[in-house]
Amino acid sequence: MKEHIVVTGASGLVGRALLRNYLGQGRPVIALSRKPPMLPGLDPASHPLLSWHWGDVSLPRLGLAPETYAEVCAKAQIVFHLAARTDFKDGTAASYLPVNLEGVKHVLALAQEAKAPLHQVSTAFVCGDWAGEFREGDLDLGQHFRNGYEESKFLGESFLHGAMAAASVPITIHRPGIVVERNPSAASGKTFGPFLFLDAVARMRDSAEAKGVAELPVLRVQGNRQAHLPLVFDDAVAEALVRLAAQPESGGQVFQLVAPQPVGNDLLEDAFNEAFGQPAAHLAGEEAFAHQPANSLEALLARKTTPYAAYLDLSVRFTRRNLDTLAGAETLPTPKLAELTQAFRAFLAARSQRSRA
């Protein structure tokens, strides 16, 4: 019976949240990823509703054995494609294309063989450097891209738009904003988002303490306090995906999985410092650094966070009319100061516990 939810990239941030959601409903899930999804209190090898297979979307049939591929296709009711290369290491798309473009083609082939709707998880940052309003129906506005990741996701989404008319299954495209773990681990410091900055500052404070420095000065981070970020929590994104996938009308549509209002950089700064329990860092504009050049610690922090610096000056606004219409205006609420502070404190506590272990 075709009742299984198939999730590629199941070991990733949103993939894990999606597994938790569906398994919590008692739905059977087939997880495909290059490493088993690690969920607290859940063993992928023994959970009665979860089957995990090693998979690589850059390969034909996702690298699955023919019999496994046939089994997945026979059981799949819905296919979620979340697997992607998400780092910002390269400035052009070429090295990302095997996963972020060819992978899209391979998963579409699986969905069509399975006769199951495809839900592609893209990114709101297919907008590139677009500075105005970016609507669900927008894609190619002549924008440029900050890195190869953005460009490759744009190309993957462009392929699906071109394939929709001829595809034998409904295709839905979801564009999350910047996803933040509500319950982070120490490993979250290696992922894109506020945790990377928290980890960098925490490392400097740890180093200063080890050297006997009584008090580390408040570090300046170049950024615009008047700008904002489209932050959303991982569990809220998963809930939105589940709601939308349950609606047949979602097929053929694009949904921007962003909060009704972005999170202001000033609020993000407040949450950052409240998590440390004291002023640790603050945003400063170019003119401040021109007046007083970066000190050695600020220069080091800038080098560690260079790939992400451009995101601290965003003015783009994402619309979500499709999301509001089909899933409801209460879907994906704007993260609050207290929620962000709690998540940041949890991360700092987790990394501190790991360093003591």
Protein backbone atom coordinates (compact mmCIF):
# COMPACT_ATOMS: atom_id res chain seq x y z
CA MET A 1 0.00 0.00 0.00
CA LYS A 2 1.33 3.44 -0.96
CA GLU A 3 1.27 5.19 2.40
CA HIS A 4 4.94 6.04 3.02
CA ILE A 5 6.42 9.53 3.20
CA VAL A 6 9.77 9.60 1.38
CA VAL A 7 12.27 12.22 2.59
CA THR A 8 15.63 12.86 0.92
CA GLY A 9 18.13 14.78 3.04
CA ALA A 10 16.50 13.20 6.09
CA SER A 11 19.57 13.78 8.28
CA GLY A 12 19.49 17.54 7.70
CA LEU A 13 17.96 20.28 9.81
CA VAL A 14 14.49 20.40 8.24
CA GLY A 15 14.62 16.71 7.32
CA ARG A 16 14.92 15.70 10.97
CA ALA A 17 12.06 18.02 11.96
CA LEU A 18 9.91 16.55 9.18
CA LEU A 19 10.64 13.01 10.38
CA ARG A 20 9.67 13.94 13.94
CA ASN A 21 6.40 15.43 12.71
CA TYR A 22 5.29 12.51 10.56
CA LEU A 23 6.46 9.80 12.95
CA GLY A 24 4.63 11.63 15.73
CA GLN A 25 1.46 11.27 13.65
CA GLY A 26 2.08 7.55 13.26
CA ARG A 27 2.92 7.84 9.56
CA PRO A 28 5.50 5.45 8.03
CA VAL A 29 8.57 7.22 6.64
CA ILE A 30 11.37 6.19 4.29
CA ALA A 31 14.44 8.30 5.02
CA LEU A 32 17.13 8.70 2.37
CA SER A 33 20.44 10.33 3.25
CA ARG A 34 24.17 9.71 3.30
CA LYS A 35 24.12 9.22 7.07
CA PRO A 36 21.37 8.05 9.43
CA PRO A 37 19.14 10.81 10.82
CA MET A 38 20.04 11.40 14.46
CA LEU A 39 16.95 12.14 16.55
CA PRO A 40 16.95 12.20 20.36
CA GLY A 41 15.23 9.10 21.68
CA LEU A 42 14.85 7.58 18.22
CA ASP A 43 16.91 4.76 16.75
CA PRO A 44 16.53 4.64 12.94
CA ALA A 45 17.50 0.96 13.02
CA SER A 46 14.68 -0.12 15.33
CA HIS A 47 11.81 2.38 14.93
CA PRO A 48 8.81 0.44 13.58
CA LEU A 49 7.67 3.25 11.29
CA LEU A 50 11.05 4.42 9.99
CA SER A 51 13.24 2.78 7.39
CA TRP A 52 16.53 4.42 6.47
CA HIS A 53 18.53 3.81 3.30
CA TRP A 54 21.86 5.27 2.32
CA GLY A 55 21.22 7.49 -0.66
CA ASP A 56 23.06 10.04 -2.79
CA VAL A 57 20.81 12.19 -4.96
CA SER A 58 23.69 13.08 -7.30
CA LEU A 59 23.60 9.47 -8.57
CA PRO A 60 21.03 7.86 -10.88
CA ARG A 61 18.33 6.08 -8.82
CA LEU A 62 19.84 7.98 -5.87
CA GLY A 63 22.55 5.33 -5.65
CA LEU A 64 20.02 2.76 -4.41
CA ALA A 65 20.15 -0.88 -5.39
CA PRO A 66 17.54 -1.68 -8.07
CA GLU A 67 15.39 -3.70 -5.67
CA THR A 68 15.51 -0.95 -3.02
CA TYR A 69 14.65 1.72 -5.58
CA ALA A 70 11.69 -0.35 -6.77
CA GLU A 71 10.52 -0.83 -3.18
CA VAL A 72 10.70 2.91 -2.45
CA CYS A 73 8.71 3.68 -5.61
CA ALA A 74 6.12 1.05 -4.74
CA LYS A 75 5.55 2.46 -1.24
CA ALA A 76 5.87 6.23 -1.80
CA GLN A 77 2.74 8.30 -1.29
CA ILE A 78 4.54 11.69 -1.12
CA VAL A 79 8.16 12.57 -1.95
CA PHE A 80 9.91 15.43 -0.15
CA HIS A 81 13.22 16.46 -1.68
CA LEU A 82 15.36 18.25 0.91
CA ALA A 83 18.84 16.92 0.10
CA ALA A 84 21.17 19.70 -1.00
CA ARG A 85 24.68 20.98 -0.71
CA THR A 86 24.22 24.06 1.46
CA ASP A 87 27.69 25.42 2.20
CA PHE A 88 28.88 28.75 0.82
CA LYS A 89 32.44 27.67 -0.02
CA ASP A 90 32.36 28.35 -3.76
CA GLY A 91 31.40 31.54 -5.55
CA THR A 92 30.00 29.83 -8.65
CA ALA A 93 27.43 27.10 -9.08
CA ALA A 94 29.52 24.50 -10.95
CA SER A 95 30.58 22.35 -7.99
CA TYR A 96 27.06 22.38 -6.51
CA LEU A 97 25.26 21.20 -9.63
CA PRO A 98 25.69 17.43 -9.16
CA VAL A 99 23.57 17.64 -5.99
CA ASN A 100 21.50 20.81 -6.38
CA LEU A 101 20.52 20.39 -10.04
CA GLU A 102 21.17 16.79 -11.12
CA GLY A 103 19.80 15.66 -7.77
CA VAL A 104 16.54 17.47 -8.50
CA LYS A 105 16.28 15.64 -11.82
CA HIS A 106 16.93 12.27 -10.19
CA VAL A 107 14.34 12.81 -7.46
CA LEU A 108 11.75 13.98 -9.98
CA ALA A 109 12.38 10.74 -11.89
CA LEU A 110 11.75 8.78 -8.68
CA ALA A 111 8.55 10.68 -7.94
CA GLN A 112 7.26 10.09 -11.46
CA GLU A 113 8.03 6.38 -11.33
CA ALA A 114 6.32 6.23 -7.93
CA LYS A 115 3.38 8.30 -9.21
CA ALA A 116 3.76 10.40 -6.06
CA PRO A 117 3.55 14.21 -5.72
CA LEU A 118 6.96 15.90 -5.43
CA HIS A 119 7.55 18.58 -2.81
CA GLN A 120 10.83 20.33 -3.59
CA VAL A 121 12.41 22.33 -0.78
CA SER A 122 14.27 25.20 -2.41
CA THR A 123 15.27 28.42 -0.61
CA ALA A 124 13.95 31.95 -0.39
CA PHE A 125 17.42 33.02 -1.51
CA VAL A 126 16.80 32.09 -5.11
CA CYS A 127 16.11 35.83 -4.95
CA GLY A 128 19.88 36.39 -4.89
CA ASP A 129 20.67 40.04 -4.26
CA TRP A 130 17.19 41.30 -5.19
CA ALA A 131 16.45 44.24 -2.91
CA GLY A 132 12.72 44.79 -3.35
CA GLU A 133 9.63 42.66 -2.95
CA PHE A 134 10.07 39.03 -4.02
CA ARG A 135 6.78 37.25 -4.70
CA GLU A 136 5.91 33.58 -4.97
CA GLY A 137 5.56 33.91 -8.74
CA ASP A 138 8.95 35.60 -9.11
CA LEU A 139 12.10 33.72 -10.05
CA ASP A 140 14.32 35.25 -12.72
CA LEU A 141 14.38 39.00 -12.14
CA GLY A 142 17.93 39.49 -13.40
CA GLN A 143 19.34 39.13 -9.90
CA HIS A 144 22.93 38.22 -9.10
CA PHE A 145 23.95 35.66 -6.51
CA ARG A 146 26.15 35.92 -3.43
CA ASN A 147 27.52 32.41 -3.78
CA GLY A 148 27.29 29.18 -5.73
CA TYR A 149 24.71 27.73 -3.36
CA GLU A 150 22.14 30.41 -4.17
CA GLU A 151 22.77 30.14 -7.90
CA SER A 152 22.55 26.34 -7.91
CA LYS A 153 19.25 26.36 -6.03
CA PHE A 154 17.97 28.91 -8.55
CA LEU A 155 18.97 26.57 -11.39
CA GLY A 156 17.35 23.58 -9.69
CA GLU A 157 14.12 25.48 -9.22
CA SER A 158 14.25 26.81 -12.79
CA PHE A 159 14.47 23.23 -14.06
CA LEU A 160 11.36 22.24 -12.11
CA HIS A 161 9.38 25.23 -13.36
CA GLY A 162 10.22 24.13 -16.88
CA ALA A 163 9.27 20.52 -16.12
CA MET A 164 5.92 21.21 -14.44
CA ALA A 165 3.78 21.22 -17.58
CA ALA A 166 5.06 17.89 -18.84
CA ALA A 167 5.55 16.13 -15.49
CA SER A 168 3.25 13.21 -14.75
CA VAL A 169 2.99 14.16 -11.05
CA PRO A 170 2.19 17.42 -9.23
CA ILE A 171 5.26 19.47 -8.31
CA THR A 172 5.21 21.90 -5.39
CA ILE A 173 8.09 24.24 -4.60
CA HIS A 174 8.78 25.47 -1.07
CA ARG A 175 11.18 28.33 -0.31
CA PRO A 176 12.15 28.46 3.38
CA GLY A 177 13.90 31.49 4.82
CA ILE A 178 16.90 31.08 7.16
CA VAL A 179 16.08 28.05 9.29
CA VAL A 180 17.03 28.14 12.98
CA GLU A 181 17.04 25.05 15.20
CA ARG A 182 14.70 25.47 18.12
CA ASN A 183 16.59 22.82 20.11
CA PRO A 184 20.19 23.06 18.87
CA SER A 185 23.14 20.84 19.70
CA ALA A 186 26.80 21.75 19.94
CA ALA A 187 27.16 20.73 16.28
CA SER A 188 24.80 23.53 15.26
CA GLY A 189 27.75 25.95 15.32
CA LYS A 190 28.89 24.49 12.00
CA THR A 191 25.67 25.38 10.19
CA PHE A 192 24.67 28.62 8.52
CA GLY A 193 22.77 30.96 10.76
CA PRO A 194 23.16 32.76 14.07
CA PHE A 195 24.78 29.73 15.73
CA LEU A 196 27.89 30.15 13.60
CA PHE A 197 28.34 33.69 14.96
CA LEU A 198 27.55 32.54 18.49
CA ASP A 199 30.17 29.82 18.22
CA ALA A 200 32.82 32.18 16.86
CA VAL A 201 32.32 34.71 19.65
CA ALA A 202 32.16 31.96 22.28
CA ARG A 203 35.47 30.54 21.05
CA MET A 204 37.10 33.93 21.43
CA ARG A 205 35.71 34.33 24.92
CA ASP A 206 36.91 30.83 25.84
CA SER A 207 40.38 31.62 24.51
CA ALA A 208 40.54 34.91 26.41
CA GLU A 209 39.48 33.17 29.63
CA ALA A 210 42.12 30.48 29.14
CA LYS A 211 44.75 33.20 28.78
CA GLY A 212 43.62 34.89 31.96
CA VAL A 213 42.06 37.90 30.25
CA ALA A 214 39.65 39.38 32.78
CA GLU A 215 37.12 40.79 30.34
CA LEU A 216 36.78 40.59 26.58
CA PRO A 217 35.67 43.85 24.95
CA VAL A 218 32.37 43.96 23.11
CA LEU A 219 33.12 42.91 19.55
CA ARG A 220 31.82 44.81 16.55
CA VAL A 221 30.34 42.86 13.64
CA GLN A 222 29.90 44.75 10.39
CA GLY A 223 26.21 44.85 9.60
CA ASN A 224 23.14 47.04 9.32
CA ARG A 225 21.03 47.29 12.47
CA GLN A 226 18.13 48.57 10.34
CA ALA A 227 18.14 45.47 8.11
CA HIS A 228 16.36 42.20 8.82
CA LEU A 229 16.55 38.43 8.33
CA PRO A 230 13.82 35.95 7.29
CA LEU A 231 14.37 33.66 10.28
CA VAL A 232 12.05 30.67 10.82
CA PHE A 233 12.25 27.77 13.27
CA ASP A 234 12.86 24.25 11.95
CA ASP A 235 9.77 22.72 13.55
CA ALA A 236 7.58 25.49 12.13
CA VAL A 237 8.92 24.85 8.63
CA ALA A 238 8.20 21.12 9.01
CA GLU A 239 4.66 21.86 10.21
CA ALA A 240 4.09 24.10 7.17
CA LEU A 241 5.37 21.39 4.81
CA VAL A 242 3.04 18.83 6.37
CA ARG A 243 0.02 21.15 6.15
CA LEU A 244 0.69 22.02 2.53
CA ALA A 245 1.41 18.44 1.45
CA ALA A 246 -2.00 17.44 2.84
CA GLN A 247 -3.69 19.86 0.41
CA PRO A 248 -3.98 18.56 -3.18
CA GLU A 249 -4.35 22.19 -4.30
CA SER A 250 -0.71 22.80 -3.40
CA GLY A 251 0.43 21.02 -6.57
CA GLY A 252 1.91 23.41 -9.11
CA GLN A 253 2.27 26.24 -6.60
CA VAL A 254 5.22 28.00 -4.97
CA PHE A 255 5.19 28.72 -1.24
CA GLN A 256 7.60 31.05 0.49
CA LEU A 257 8.05 29.58 3.95
CA VAL A 258 8.83 32.81 5.75
CA ALA A 259 7.33 34.50 8.79
CA PRO A 260 4.75 37.28 8.36
CA GLN A 261 7.44 39.73 9.47
CA PRO A 262 11.22 39.30 9.26
CA VAL A 263 13.35 39.47 12.39
CA GLY A 264 15.06 42.83 12.75
CA ASN A 265 18.82 42.77 13.15
CA ASP A 266 18.45 44.85 16.30
CA LEU A 267 16.24 42.16 17.88
CA LEU A 268 18.70 39.47 16.77
CA GLU A 269 21.50 41.42 18.45
CA ASP A 270 19.49 41.65 21.67
CA ALA A 271 18.86 37.88 21.68
CA PHE A 272 22.55 37.24 20.99
CA ASN A 273 23.70 39.30 23.97
CA GLU A 274 20.97 38.04 26.29
CA ALA A 275 22.13 34.51 25.53
CA PHE A 276 25.64 35.41 26.73
CA GLY A 277 24.18 37.20 29.73
CA GLN A 278 26.13 40.36 28.93
CA PRO A 279 27.06 42.53 25.95
CA ALA A 280 29.29 40.38 23.73
CA ALA A 281 28.87 41.74 20.21
CA HIS A 282 27.00 44.43 18.35
CA LEU A 283 26.43 45.42 14.74
CA ALA A 284 28.29 48.41 13.37
CA GLY A 285 28.20 50.04 9.95
CA GLU A 286 31.05 50.70 7.52
CA GLU A 287 31.42 54.24 8.79
CA ALA A 288 32.15 52.98 12.31
CA PHE A 289 34.98 50.78 11.04
CA ALA A 290 36.28 53.61 8.86
CA HIS A 291 36.44 55.84 11.94
CA GLN A 292 37.97 53.12 14.11
CA PRO A 293 39.48 50.17 12.22
CA ALA A 294 38.77 46.64 13.40
CA ASN A 295 40.96 45.36 16.22
CA SER A 296 42.63 41.97 15.94
CA LEU A 297 39.70 40.06 17.45
CA GLU A 298 37.15 41.82 15.27
CA ALA A 299 39.27 41.11 12.19
CA LEU A 300 39.46 37.43 13.17
CA LEU A 301 35.71 37.28 13.69
CA ALA A 302 35.15 38.87 10.27
CA ARG A 303 37.38 36.27 8.61
CA LYS A 304 35.52 33.40 10.30
CA THR A 305 32.14 34.72 9.18
CA THR A 306 33.03 36.23 5.78
CA PRO A 307 30.68 34.03 3.67
CA TYR A 308 27.70 35.21 5.73
CA ALA A 309 28.47 38.90 6.12
CA ALA A 310 26.36 39.97 3.13
CA TYR A 311 23.22 38.61 4.80
CA LEU A 312 23.49 41.22 7.56
CA ASP A 313 22.38 43.95 5.16
CA LEU A 314 19.16 42.53 3.70
CA SER A 315 16.27 44.65 2.52
CA VAL A 316 14.35 42.08 0.42
CA ARG A 317 10.76 41.38 1.46
CA PHE A 318 9.17 38.01 0.72
CA THR A 319 5.43 37.70 0.15
CA ARG A 320 3.51 34.64 1.38
CA ARG A 321 0.00 34.99 -0.04
CA ASN A 322 -0.09 31.37 -1.23
CA LEU A 323 0.95 30.13 2.20
CA ASP A 324 -1.64 32.26 4.00
CA THR A 325 -4.40 31.13 1.64
CA LEU A 326 -3.77 27.39 1.84
CA ALA A 327 -2.19 26.87 5.28
CA GLY A 328 -3.47 29.86 7.24
CA ALA A 329 -2.01 33.16 8.41
CA GLU A 330 -0.95 31.59 11.73
CA THR A 331 1.47 29.26 9.94
CA LEU A 332 5.17 30.01 10.49
CA PRO A 333 4.88 32.76 13.12
CA THR A 334 7.63 35.32 13.46
CA PRO A 335 10.25 34.15 16.00
CA LYS A 336 10.07 36.17 19.23
CA LEU A 337 12.96 37.58 21.22
CA ALA A 338 12.39 35.10 24.05
CA GLU A 339 12.33 32.14 21.65
CA LEU A 340 15.55 33.16 19.93
CA THR A 341 17.26 33.84 23.26
CA GLN A 342 16.23 30.42 24.54
CA ALA A 343 17.58 28.69 21.43
CA PHE A 344 20.86 30.64 21.61
CA ARG A 345 21.28 29.83 25.31
CA ALA A 346 20.62 26.17 24.59
CA PHE A 347 23.36 26.17 21.98
CA LEU A 348 25.89 27.85 24.27
CA ALA A 349 25.03 25.38 27.03
CA ALA A 350 25.44 22.42 24.66
CA ARG A 351 28.84 23.55 23.38
CA SER A 352 29.98 24.29 26.95
CA GLN A 353 28.92 20.80 28.05
CA ARG A 354 30.77 19.26 25.10
CA SER A 355 33.95 21.17 25.90
CA ARG A 356 33.83 19.88 29.49
CA ALA A 357 33.27 16.28 28.41
